[in-house]
Amino acid sequence: MSYIDDIFTRLDIQHIREFLLHGVEECNVSDKSYYERLKSAERISTSFLRSFYTDNSDYEESTMPVFSYISVVEEVYMEIGMQCGVKLAMQLLESDR
């Protein structure tokens, strides 16, 4: 196998994400699907938050600002990610000439 083939066998979007978010010292790659990763994080966080409340209505009222914040962060970073993807695609198209 050539060194170029080796590069493509190691290519993974999670490795790129980890490098961009954390640099070279951390590599937290998961074999779980997006759905499984999201559900696992959701279960952990909601279980933690529910441990502070005995009444469900108190939980809903108190955690709404937290989930609202998370939603806005998700939207902003999604937009940033889409813009980065378009810029990368444009660079790839320009380098092809």
PDB file of N, CA and C in Angstrom:
ATOM      1  N   MET A   1       0.850  -1.176   0.000  1.00  0.00           N
ATOM      2  CA  MET A   1       0.000   0.000   0.000  1.00  0.00           C
ATOM      3  C   MET A   1       0.895   1.239   0.000  1.00  0.00           C
ATOM      4  N   SER A   2       0.595   2.185  -0.854  1.00  0.00           N
ATOM      5  CA  SER A   2       1.391   3.398  -0.925  1.00  0.00           C
ATOM      6  C   SER A   2       1.017   4.346   0.206  1.00  0.00           C
ATOM      7  N   TYR A   3       1.864   5.320   0.434  1.00  0.00           N
ATOM      8  CA  TYR A   3       1.581   6.283   1.505  1.00  0.00           C
ATOM      9  C   TYR A   3       0.326   7.087   1.205  1.00  0.00           C
ATOM     10  N   ILE A   4      -0.011   7.288  -0.058  1.00  0.00           N
ATOM     11  CA  ILE A   4      -1.233   8.019  -0.407  1.00  0.00           C
ATOM     12  C   ILE A   4      -2.458   7.187  -0.052  1.00  0.00           C
ATOM     13  N   ASP A   5      -2.420   5.902  -0.322  1.00  0.00           N
ATOM     14  CA  ASP A   5      -3.524   5.020   0.079  1.00  0.00           C
ATOM     15  C   ASP A   5      -3.706   5.039   1.595  1.00  0.00           C
ATOM     16  N   ASP A   6      -2.578   5.092   2.320  1.00  0.00           N
ATOM     17  CA  ASP A   6      -2.635   5.137   3.777  1.00  0.00           C
ATOM     18  C   ASP A   6      -3.349   6.408   4.256  1.00  0.00           C
ATOM     19  N   ILE A   7      -3.121   7.523   3.581  1.00  0.00           N
ATOM     20  CA  ILE A   7      -3.796   8.775   3.928  1.00  0.00           C
ATOM     21  C   ILE A   7      -5.302   8.606   3.795  1.00  0.00           C
ATOM     22  N   PHE A   8      -5.752   8.013   2.705  1.00  0.00           N
ATOM     23  CA  PHE A   8      -7.191   7.856   2.491  1.00  0.00           C
ATOM     24  C   PHE A   8      -7.819   6.843   3.436  1.00  0.00           C
ATOM     25  N   THR A   9      -7.064   5.846   3.884  1.00  0.00           N
ATOM     26  CA  THR A   9      -7.641   4.895   4.840  1.00  0.00           C
ATOM     27  C   THR A   9      -7.812   5.534   6.208  1.00  0.00           C
ATOM     28  N   ARG A  10      -7.018   6.555   6.534  1.00  0.00           N
ATOM     29  CA  ARG A  10      -7.133   7.241   7.822  1.00  0.00           C
ATOM     30  C   ARG A  10      -8.095   8.421   7.769  1.00  0.00           C
ATOM     31  N   LEU A  11      -8.591   8.756   6.598  1.00  0.00           N
ATOM     32  CA  LEU A  11      -9.469   9.911   6.441  1.00  0.00           C
ATOM     33  C   LEU A  11     -10.809   9.662   7.122  1.00  0.00           C
ATOM     34  N   ASP A  12     -11.169  10.553   8.016  1.00  0.00           N
ATOM     35  CA  ASP A  12     -12.428  10.424   8.747  1.00  0.00           C
ATOM     36  C   ASP A  12     -12.847  11.811   9.202  1.00  0.00           C
ATOM     37  N   ILE A  13     -14.106  12.141   9.030  1.00  0.00           N
ATOM     38  CA  ILE A  13     -14.612  13.460   9.398  1.00  0.00           C
ATOM     39  C   ILE A  13     -14.430  13.726  10.889  1.00  0.00           C
ATOM     40  N   GLN A  14     -14.509  12.685  11.713  1.00  0.00           N
ATOM     41  CA  GLN A  14     -14.344  12.873  13.146  1.00  0.00           C
ATOM     42  C   GLN A  14     -12.907  13.275  13.496  1.00  0.00           C
ATOM     43  N   HIS A  15     -11.935  12.738  12.758  1.00  0.00           N
ATOM     44  CA  HIS A  15     -10.542  13.138  12.999  1.00  0.00           C
ATOM     45  C   HIS A  15     -10.337  14.612  12.663  1.00  0.00           C
ATOM     46  N   ILE A  16     -10.933  15.052  11.581  1.00  0.00           N
ATOM     47  CA  ILE A  16     -10.835  16.457  11.188  1.00  0.00           C
ATOM     48  C   ILE A  16     -11.505  17.332  12.246  1.00  0.00           C
ATOM     49  N   ARG A  17     -12.683  16.919  12.690  1.00  0.00           N
ATOM     50  CA  ARG A  17     -13.396  17.660  13.738  1.00  0.00           C
ATOM     51  C   ARG A  17     -12.554  17.765  15.004  1.00  0.00           C
ATOM     52  N   GLU A  18     -11.987  16.658  15.448  1.00  0.00           N
ATOM     53  CA  GLU A  18     -11.187  16.655  16.662  1.00  0.00           C
ATOM     54  C   GLU A  18      -9.972  17.563  16.534  1.00  0.00           C
ATOM     55  N   PHE A  19      -9.325  17.528  15.371  1.00  0.00           N
ATOM     56  CA  PHE A  19      -8.165  18.393  15.167  1.00  0.00           C
ATOM     57  C   PHE A  19      -8.568  19.861  15.202  1.00  0.00           C
ATOM     58  N   LEU A  20      -9.668  20.209  14.534  1.00  0.00           N
ATOM     59  CA  LEU A  20     -10.109  21.598  14.494  1.00  0.00           C
ATOM     60  C   LEU A  20     -10.581  22.094  15.859  1.00  0.00           C
ATOM     61  N   LEU A  21     -11.230  21.232  16.623  1.00  0.00           N
ATOM     62  CA  LEU A  21     -11.745  21.642  17.932  1.00  0.00           C
ATOM     63  C   LEU A  21     -10.696  21.580  19.034  1.00  0.00           C
ATOM     64  N   HIS A  22      -9.841  20.568  19.001  1.00  0.00           N
ATOM     65  CA  HIS A  22      -8.968  20.316  20.151  1.00  0.00           C
ATOM     66  C   HIS A  22      -7.482  20.285  19.824  1.00  0.00           C
ATOM     67  N   GLY A  23      -7.107  20.341  18.571  1.00  0.00           N
ATOM     68  CA  GLY A  23      -5.704  20.238  18.214  1.00  0.00           C
ATOM     69  C   GLY A  23      -5.264  18.793  18.149  1.00  0.00           C
ATOM     70  N   VAL A  24      -3.971  18.585  18.135  1.00  0.00           N
ATOM     71  CA  VAL A  24      -3.445  17.242  17.923  1.00  0.00           C
ATOM     72  C   VAL A  24      -3.405  16.381  19.173  1.00  0.00           C
ATOM     73  N   GLU A  25      -3.534  16.985  20.358  1.00  0.00           N
ATOM     74  CA  GLU A  25      -3.372  16.205  21.577  1.00  0.00           C
ATOM     75  C   GLU A  25      -4.582  15.352  21.940  1.00  0.00           C
ATOM     76  N   GLU A  26      -5.732  15.572  21.328  1.00  0.00           N
ATOM     77  CA  GLU A  26      -6.931  14.819  21.684  1.00  0.00           C
ATOM     78  C   GLU A  26      -7.537  14.181  20.436  1.00  0.00           C
ATOM     79  N   CYS A  27      -7.958  12.943  20.582  1.00  0.00           N
ATOM     80  CA  CYS A  27      -8.615  12.272  19.461  1.00  0.00           C
ATOM     81  C   CYS A  27      -9.755  11.418  20.008  1.00  0.00           C
ATOM     82  N   ASN A  28     -10.931  12.015  20.107  1.00  0.00           N
ATOM     83  CA  ASN A  28     -12.103  11.358  20.670  1.00  0.00           C
ATOM     84  C   ASN A  28     -13.035  10.967  19.518  1.00  0.00           C
ATOM     85  N   VAL A  29     -12.764   9.822  18.907  1.00  0.00           N
ATOM     86  CA  VAL A  29     -13.535   9.351  17.761  1.00  0.00           C
ATOM     87  C   VAL A  29     -14.480   8.254  18.226  1.00  0.00           C
ATOM     88  N   SER A  30     -15.729   8.320  17.783  1.00  0.00           N
ATOM     89  CA  SER A  30     -16.734   7.354  18.203  1.00  0.00           C
ATOM     90  C   SER A  30     -17.209   6.531  17.014  1.00  0.00           C
ATOM     91  N   ASP A  31     -17.527   5.274  17.265  1.00  0.00           N
ATOM     92  CA  ASP A  31     -18.085   4.429  16.204  1.00  0.00           C
ATOM     93  C   ASP A  31     -19.618   4.441  16.229  1.00  0.00           C
ATOM     94  N   LYS A  32     -20.189   5.235  17.147  1.00  0.00           N
ATOM     95  CA  LYS A  32     -21.647   5.340  17.238  1.00  0.00           C
ATOM     96  C   LYS A  32     -22.179   6.275  16.161  1.00  0.00           C
ATOM     97  N   SER A  33     -23.443   6.082  15.812  1.00  0.00           N
ATOM     98  CA  SER A  33     -24.079   6.962  14.826  1.00  0.00           C
ATOM     99  C   SER A  33     -24.339   8.326  15.450  1.00  0.00           C
ATOM    100  N   TYR A  34     -24.644   9.319  14.610  1.00  0.00           N
ATOM    101  CA  TYR A  34     -24.993  10.644  15.119  1.00  0.00           C
ATOM    102  C   TYR A  34     -26.162  10.535  16.088  1.00  0.00           C
ATOM    103  N   TYR A  35     -27.170   9.764  15.709  1.00  0.00           N
ATOM    104  CA  TYR A  35     -28.364   9.604  16.539  1.00  0.00           C
ATOM    105  C   TYR A  35     -27.995   9.036  17.911  1.00  0.00           C
ATOM    106  N   GLU A  36     -27.178   7.979  17.935  1.00  0.00           N
ATOM    107  CA  GLU A  36     -26.786   7.352  19.199  1.00  0.00           C
ATOM    108  C   GLU A  36     -25.986   8.314  20.073  1.00  0.00           C
ATOM    109  N   ARG A  37     -25.083   9.071  19.462  1.00  0.00           N
ATOM    110  CA  ARG A  37     -24.274  10.028  20.222  1.00  0.00           C
ATOM    111  C   ARG A  37     -25.152  11.126  20.811  1.00  0.00           C
ATOM    112  N   LEU A  38     -26.103  11.637  20.025  1.00  0.00           N
ATOM    113  CA  LEU A  38     -26.996  12.684  20.519  1.00  0.00           C
ATOM    114  C   LEU A  38     -27.896  12.171  21.643  1.00  0.00           C
ATOM    115  N   LYS A  39     -28.470  10.989  21.451  1.00  0.00           N
ATOM    116  CA  LYS A  39     -29.375  10.425  22.460  1.00  0.00           C
ATOM    117  C   LYS A  39     -28.630  10.137  23.765  1.00  0.00           C
ATOM    118  N   SER A  40     -27.416   9.644  23.672  1.00  0.00           N
ATOM    119  CA  SER A  40     -26.629   9.361  24.865  1.00  0.00           C
ATOM    120  C   SER A  40     -26.350  10.647  25.643  1.00  0.00           C
ATOM    121  N   ALA A  41     -25.934  11.689  24.956  1.00  0.00           N
ATOM    122  CA  ALA A  41     -25.674  12.972  25.610  1.00  0.00           C
ATOM    123  C   ALA A  41     -26.953  13.558  26.189  1.00  0.00           C
ATOM    124  N   GLU A  42     -28.064  13.390  25.480  1.00  0.00           N
ATOM    125  CA  GLU A  42     -29.353  13.893  25.964  1.00  0.00           C
ATOM    126  C   GLU A  42     -29.771  13.171  27.245  1.00  0.00           C
ATOM    127  N   ARG A  43     -29.642  11.857  27.262  1.00  0.00           N
ATOM    128  CA  ARG A  43     -30.010  11.082  28.449  1.00  0.00           C
ATOM    129  C   ARG A  43     -29.190  11.506  29.665  1.00  0.00           C
ATOM    130  N   ILE A  44     -27.892  11.665  29.477  1.00  0.00           N
ATOM    131  CA  ILE A  44     -27.017  12.044  30.584  1.00  0.00           C
ATOM    132  C   ILE A  44     -27.386  13.431  31.113  1.00  0.00           C
ATOM    133  N   SER A  45     -27.556  14.393  30.212  1.00  0.00           N
ATOM    134  CA  SER A  45     -27.825  15.768  30.659  1.00  0.00           C
ATOM    135  C   SER A  45     -29.221  15.903  31.265  1.00  0.00           C
ATOM    136  N   THR A  46     -30.238  15.294  30.672  1.00  0.00           N
ATOM    137  CA  THR A  46     -31.580  15.414  31.253  1.00  0.00           C
ATOM    138  C   THR A  46     -31.677  14.676  32.586  1.00  0.00           C
ATOM    139  N   SER A  47     -30.984  13.558  32.703  1.00  0.00           N
ATOM    140  CA  SER A  47     -30.973  12.840  33.974  1.00  0.00           C
ATOM    141  C   SER A  47     -30.322  13.696  35.059  1.00  0.00           C
ATOM    142  N   PHE A  48     -29.234  14.348  34.721  1.00  0.00           N
ATOM    143  CA  PHE A  48     -28.559  15.226  35.666  1.00  0.00           C
ATOM    144  C   PHE A  48     -29.471  16.381  36.078  1.00  0.00           C
ATOM    145  N   LEU A  49     -30.093  17.038  35.103  1.00  0.00           N
ATOM    146  CA  LEU A  49     -30.961  18.176  35.413  1.00  0.00           C
ATOM    147  C   LEU A  49     -32.185  17.748  36.209  1.00  0.00           C
ATOM    148  N   ARG A  50     -32.787  16.606  35.868  1.00  0.00           N
ATOM    149  CA  ARG A  50     -33.976  16.129  36.587  1.00  0.00           C
ATOM    150  C   ARG A  50     -33.659  15.767  38.041  1.00  0.00           C
ATOM    151  N   SER A  51     -32.422  15.453  38.331  1.00  0.00           N
ATOM    152  CA  SER A  51     -32.063  15.089  39.703  1.00  0.00           C
ATOM    153  C   SER A  51     -32.236  16.264  40.669  1.00  0.00           C
ATOM    154  N   PHE A  52     -32.345  17.467  40.154  1.00  0.00           N
ATOM    155  CA  PHE A  52     -32.517  18.646  41.001  1.00  0.00           C
ATOM    156  C   PHE A  52     -33.984  18.982  41.261  1.00  0.00           C
ATOM    157  N   TYR A  53     -34.899  18.308  40.573  1.00  0.00           N
ATOM    158  CA  TYR A  53     -36.314  18.685  40.659  1.00  0.00           C
ATOM    159  C   TYR A  53     -37.173  17.483  41.014  1.00  0.00           C
ATOM    160  N   THR A  54     -38.156  17.711  41.902  1.00  0.00           N
ATOM    161  CA  THR A  54     -39.112  16.657  42.230  1.00  0.00           C
ATOM    162  C   THR A  54     -40.385  16.823  41.414  1.00  0.00           C
ATOM    163  N   ASP A  55     -40.680  18.049  41.021  1.00  0.00           N
ATOM    164  CA  ASP A  55     -41.894  18.344  40.263  1.00  0.00           C
ATOM    165  C   ASP A  55     -41.533  18.565  38.791  1.00  0.00           C
ATOM    166  N   ASN A  56     -42.252  17.890  37.912  1.00  0.00           N
ATOM    167  CA  ASN A  56     -41.976  17.991  36.483  1.00  0.00           C
ATOM    168  C   ASN A  56     -42.174  19.405  35.939  1.00  0.00           C
ATOM    169  N   SER A  57     -43.162  20.135  36.471  1.00  0.00           N
ATOM    170  CA  SER A  57     -43.404  21.500  35.984  1.00  0.00           C
ATOM    171  C   SER A  57     -42.247  22.422  36.371  1.00  0.00           C
ATOM    172  N   ASP A  58     -41.667  22.214  37.557  1.00  0.00           N
ATOM    173  CA  ASP A  58     -40.492  22.993  37.958  1.00  0.00           C
ATOM    174  C   ASP A  58     -39.323  22.708  37.008  1.00  0.00           C
ATOM    175  N   TYR A  59     -39.181  21.436  36.669  1.00  0.00           N
ATOM    176  CA  TYR A  59     -38.106  21.042  35.746  1.00  0.00           C
ATOM    177  C   TYR A  59     -38.278  21.744  34.406  1.00  0.00           C
ATOM    178  N   GLU A  60     -39.466  21.665  33.844  1.00  0.00           N
ATOM    179  CA  GLU A  60     -39.726  22.276  32.536  1.00  0.00           C
ATOM    180  C   GLU A  60     -39.469  23.778  32.565  1.00  0.00           C
ATOM    181  N   GLU A  61     -39.967  24.443  33.589  1.00  0.00           N
ATOM    182  CA  GLU A  61     -39.824  25.898  33.696  1.00  0.00           C
ATOM    183  C   GLU A  61     -38.366  26.310  33.899  1.00  0.00           C
ATOM    184  N   SER A  62     -37.645  25.570  34.697  1.00  0.00           N
ATOM    185  CA  SER A  62     -36.268  25.939  35.033  1.00  0.00           C
ATOM    186  C   SER A  62     -35.273  25.608  33.927  1.00  0.00           C
ATOM    187  N   THR A  63     -35.542  24.564  33.183  1.00  0.00           N
ATOM    188  CA  THR A  63     -34.573  24.160  32.160  1.00  0.00           C
ATOM    189  C   THR A  63     -34.829  24.781  30.794  1.00  0.00           C
ATOM    190  N   MET A  64     -35.963  25.427  30.611  1.00  0.00           N
ATOM    191  CA  MET A  64     -36.266  26.041  29.319  1.00  0.00           C
ATOM    192  C   MET A  64     -35.172  27.019  28.864  1.00  0.00           C
ATOM    193  N   PRO A  65     -34.664  27.909  29.738  1.00  0.00           N
ATOM    194  CA  PRO A  65     -33.590  28.804  29.288  1.00  0.00           C
ATOM    195  C   PRO A  65     -32.318  28.053  28.865  1.00  0.00           C
ATOM    196  N   VAL A  66     -32.030  26.952  29.534  1.00  0.00           N
ATOM    197  CA  VAL A  66     -30.846  26.165  29.184  1.00  0.00           C
ATOM    198  C   VAL A  66     -31.003  25.583  27.779  1.00  0.00           C
ATOM    199  N   PHE A  67     -32.153  24.971  27.520  1.00  0.00           N
ATOM    200  CA  PHE A  67     -32.370  24.368  26.213  1.00  0.00           C
ATOM    201  C   PHE A  67     -32.511  25.417  25.121  1.00  0.00           C
ATOM    202  N   SER A  68     -33.012  26.587  25.462  1.00  0.00           N
ATOM    203  CA  SER A  68     -33.079  27.693  24.509  1.00  0.00           C
ATOM    204  C   SER A  68     -31.669  28.132  24.121  1.00  0.00           C
ATOM    205  N   TYR A  69     -30.799  28.252  25.118  1.00  0.00           N
ATOM    206  CA  TYR A  69     -29.402  28.605  24.867  1.00  0.00           C
ATOM    207  C   TYR A  69     -28.733  27.564  23.972  1.00  0.00           C
ATOM    208  N   ILE A  70     -28.925  26.305  24.295  1.00  0.00           N
ATOM    209  CA  ILE A  70     -28.329  25.230  23.503  1.00  0.00           C
ATOM    210  C   ILE A  70     -28.813  25.296  22.057  1.00  0.00           C
ATOM    211  N   SER A  71     -30.069  25.587  21.859  1.00  0.00           N
ATOM    212  CA  SER A  71     -30.636  25.685  20.516  1.00  0.00           C
ATOM    213  C   SER A  71     -29.989  26.809  19.713  1.00  0.00           C
ATOM    214  N   VAL A  72     -29.794  27.965  20.346  1.00  0.00           N
ATOM    215  CA  VAL A  72     -29.168  29.097  19.652  1.00  0.00           C
ATOM    216  C   VAL A  72     -27.712  28.775  19.314  1.00  0.00           C
ATOM    217  N   VAL A  73     -26.997  28.166  20.246  1.00  0.00           N
ATOM    218  CA  VAL A  73     -25.607  27.781  19.986  1.00  0.00           C
ATOM    219  C   VAL A  73     -25.547  26.811  18.808  1.00  0.00           C
ATOM    220  N   GLU A  74     -26.451  25.843  18.799  1.00  0.00           N
ATOM    221  CA  GLU A  74     -26.516  24.871  17.714  1.00  0.00           C
ATOM    222  C   GLU A  74     -26.753  25.562  16.373  1.00  0.00           C
ATOM    223  N   GLU A  75     -27.684  26.502  16.335  1.00  0.00           N
ATOM    224  CA  GLU A  75     -27.991  27.216  15.091  1.00  0.00           C
ATOM    225  C   GLU A  75     -26.793  28.020  14.602  1.00  0.00           C
ATOM    226  N   VAL A  76     -26.147  28.750  15.518  1.00  0.00           N
ATOM    227  CA  VAL A  76     -25.011  29.594  15.139  1.00  0.00           C
ATOM    228  C   VAL A  76     -23.863  28.744  14.599  1.00  0.00           C
ATOM    229  N   TYR A  77     -23.510  27.678  15.306  1.00  0.00           N
ATOM    230  CA  TYR A  77     -22.400  26.855  14.853  1.00  0.00           C
ATOM    231  C   TYR A  77     -22.732  26.061  13.593  1.00  0.00           C
ATOM    232  N   MET A  78     -23.986  25.740  13.391  1.00  0.00           N
ATOM    233  CA  MET A  78     -24.387  25.106  12.138  1.00  0.00           C
ATOM    234  C   MET A  78     -24.171  26.059  10.974  1.00  0.00           C
ATOM    235  N   GLU A  79     -24.574  27.320  11.155  1.00  0.00           N
ATOM    236  CA  GLU A  79     -24.372  28.320  10.102  1.00  0.00           C
ATOM    237  C   GLU A  79     -22.888  28.535   9.830  1.00  0.00           C
ATOM    238  N   ILE A  80     -22.090  28.616  10.903  1.00  0.00           N
ATOM    239  CA  ILE A  80     -20.641  28.780  10.731  1.00  0.00           C
ATOM    240  C   ILE A  80     -20.060  27.571   9.992  1.00  0.00           C
ATOM    241  N   GLY A  81     -20.485  26.394  10.375  1.00  0.00           N
ATOM    242  CA  GLY A  81     -20.006  25.173   9.721  1.00  0.00           C
ATOM    243  C   GLY A  81     -20.374  25.126   8.244  1.00  0.00           C
ATOM    244  N   MET A  82     -21.582  25.555   7.924  1.00  0.00           N
ATOM    245  CA  MET A  82     -21.987  25.579   6.518  1.00  0.00           C
ATOM    246  C   MET A  82     -21.143  26.571   5.725  1.00  0.00           C
ATOM    247  N   GLN A  83     -20.875  27.738   6.319  1.00  0.00           N
ATOM    248  CA  GLN A  83     -20.042  28.725   5.643  1.00  0.00           C
ATOM    249  C   GLN A  83     -18.622  28.201   5.440  1.00  0.00           C
ATOM    250  N   CYS A  84     -18.084  27.531   6.439  1.00  0.00           N
ATOM    251  CA  CYS A  84     -16.746  26.940   6.307  1.00  0.00           C
ATOM    252  C   CYS A  84     -16.723  25.880   5.210  1.00  0.00           C
ATOM    253  N   GLY A  85     -17.764  25.066   5.169  1.00  0.00           N
ATOM    254  CA  GLY A  85     -17.844  24.032   4.134  1.00  0.00           C
ATOM    255  C   GLY A  85     -17.880  24.618   2.738  1.00  0.00           C
ATOM    256  N   VAL A  86     -18.641  25.686   2.570  1.00  0.00           N
ATOM    257  CA  VAL A  86     -18.717  26.343   1.257  1.00  0.00           C
ATOM    258  C   VAL A  86     -17.367  26.943   0.889  1.00  0.00           C
ATOM    259  N   LYS A  87     -16.697  27.585   1.849  1.00  0.00           N
ATOM    260  CA  LYS A  87     -15.379  28.169   1.568  1.00  0.00           C
ATOM    261  C   LYS A  87     -14.372  27.091   1.191  1.00  0.00           C
ATOM    262  N   LEU A  88     -14.409  25.966   1.899  1.00  0.00           N
ATOM    263  CA  LEU A  88     -13.512  24.869   1.554  1.00  0.00           C
ATOM    264  C   LEU A  88     -13.807  24.324   0.160  1.00  0.00           C
ATOM    265  N   ALA A  89     -15.084  24.179  -0.148  1.00  0.00           N
ATOM    266  CA  ALA A  89     -15.463  23.693  -1.481  1.00  0.00           C
ATOM    267  C   ALA A  89     -14.996  24.660  -2.566  1.00  0.00           C
ATOM    268  N   MET A  90     -15.122  25.954  -2.303  1.00  0.00           N
ATOM    269  CA  MET A  90     -14.672  26.946  -3.282  1.00  0.00           C
ATOM    270  C   MET A  90     -13.158  26.865  -3.471  1.00  0.00           C
ATOM    271  N   GLN A  91     -12.423  26.668  -2.377  1.00  0.00           N
ATOM    272  CA  GLN A  91     -10.970  26.524  -2.480  1.00  0.00           C
ATOM    273  C   GLN A  91     -10.604  25.282  -3.281  1.00  0.00           C
ATOM    274  N   LEU A  92     -11.325  24.189  -3.076  1.00  0.00           N
ATOM    275  CA  LEU A  92     -11.062  22.970  -3.828  1.00  0.00           C
ATOM    276  C   LEU A  92     -11.319  23.169  -5.309  1.00  0.00           C
ATOM    277  N   LEU A  93     -12.410  23.864  -5.627  1.00  0.00           N
ATOM    278  CA  LEU A  93     -12.729  24.139  -7.026  1.00  0.00           C
ATOM    279  C   LEU A  93     -11.686  25.045  -7.665  1.00  0.00           C
ATOM    280  N   GLU A  94     -11.221  26.056  -6.925  1.00  0.00           N
ATOM    281  CA  GLU A  94     -10.198  26.959  -7.452  1.00  0.00           C
ATOM    282  C   GLU A  94      -8.872  26.270  -7.660  1.00  0.00           C
ATOM    283  N   SER A  95      -8.505  25.337  -6.790  1.00  0.00           N
ATOM    284  CA  SER A  95      -7.218  24.652  -6.913  1.00  0.00           C
ATOM    285  C   SER A  95      -7.241  23.644  -8.052  1.00  0.00           C
ATOM    286  N   ASP A  96      -8.397  23.316  -8.556  1.00  0.00           N
ATOM    287  CA  ASP A  96      -8.526  22.352  -9.652  1.00  0.00           C
ATOM    288  C   ASP A  96      -8.163  22.973 -10.995  1.00  0.00           C
ATOM    289  N   ARG A  97      -8.105  24.275 -11.072  1.00  0.00           N
ATOM    290  CA  ARG A  97      -7.835  24.959 -12.348  1.00  0.00           C
ATOM    291  C   ARG A  97      -6.391  24.947 -12.713  1.00  0.00           C
TER     292      ARG A  97
END
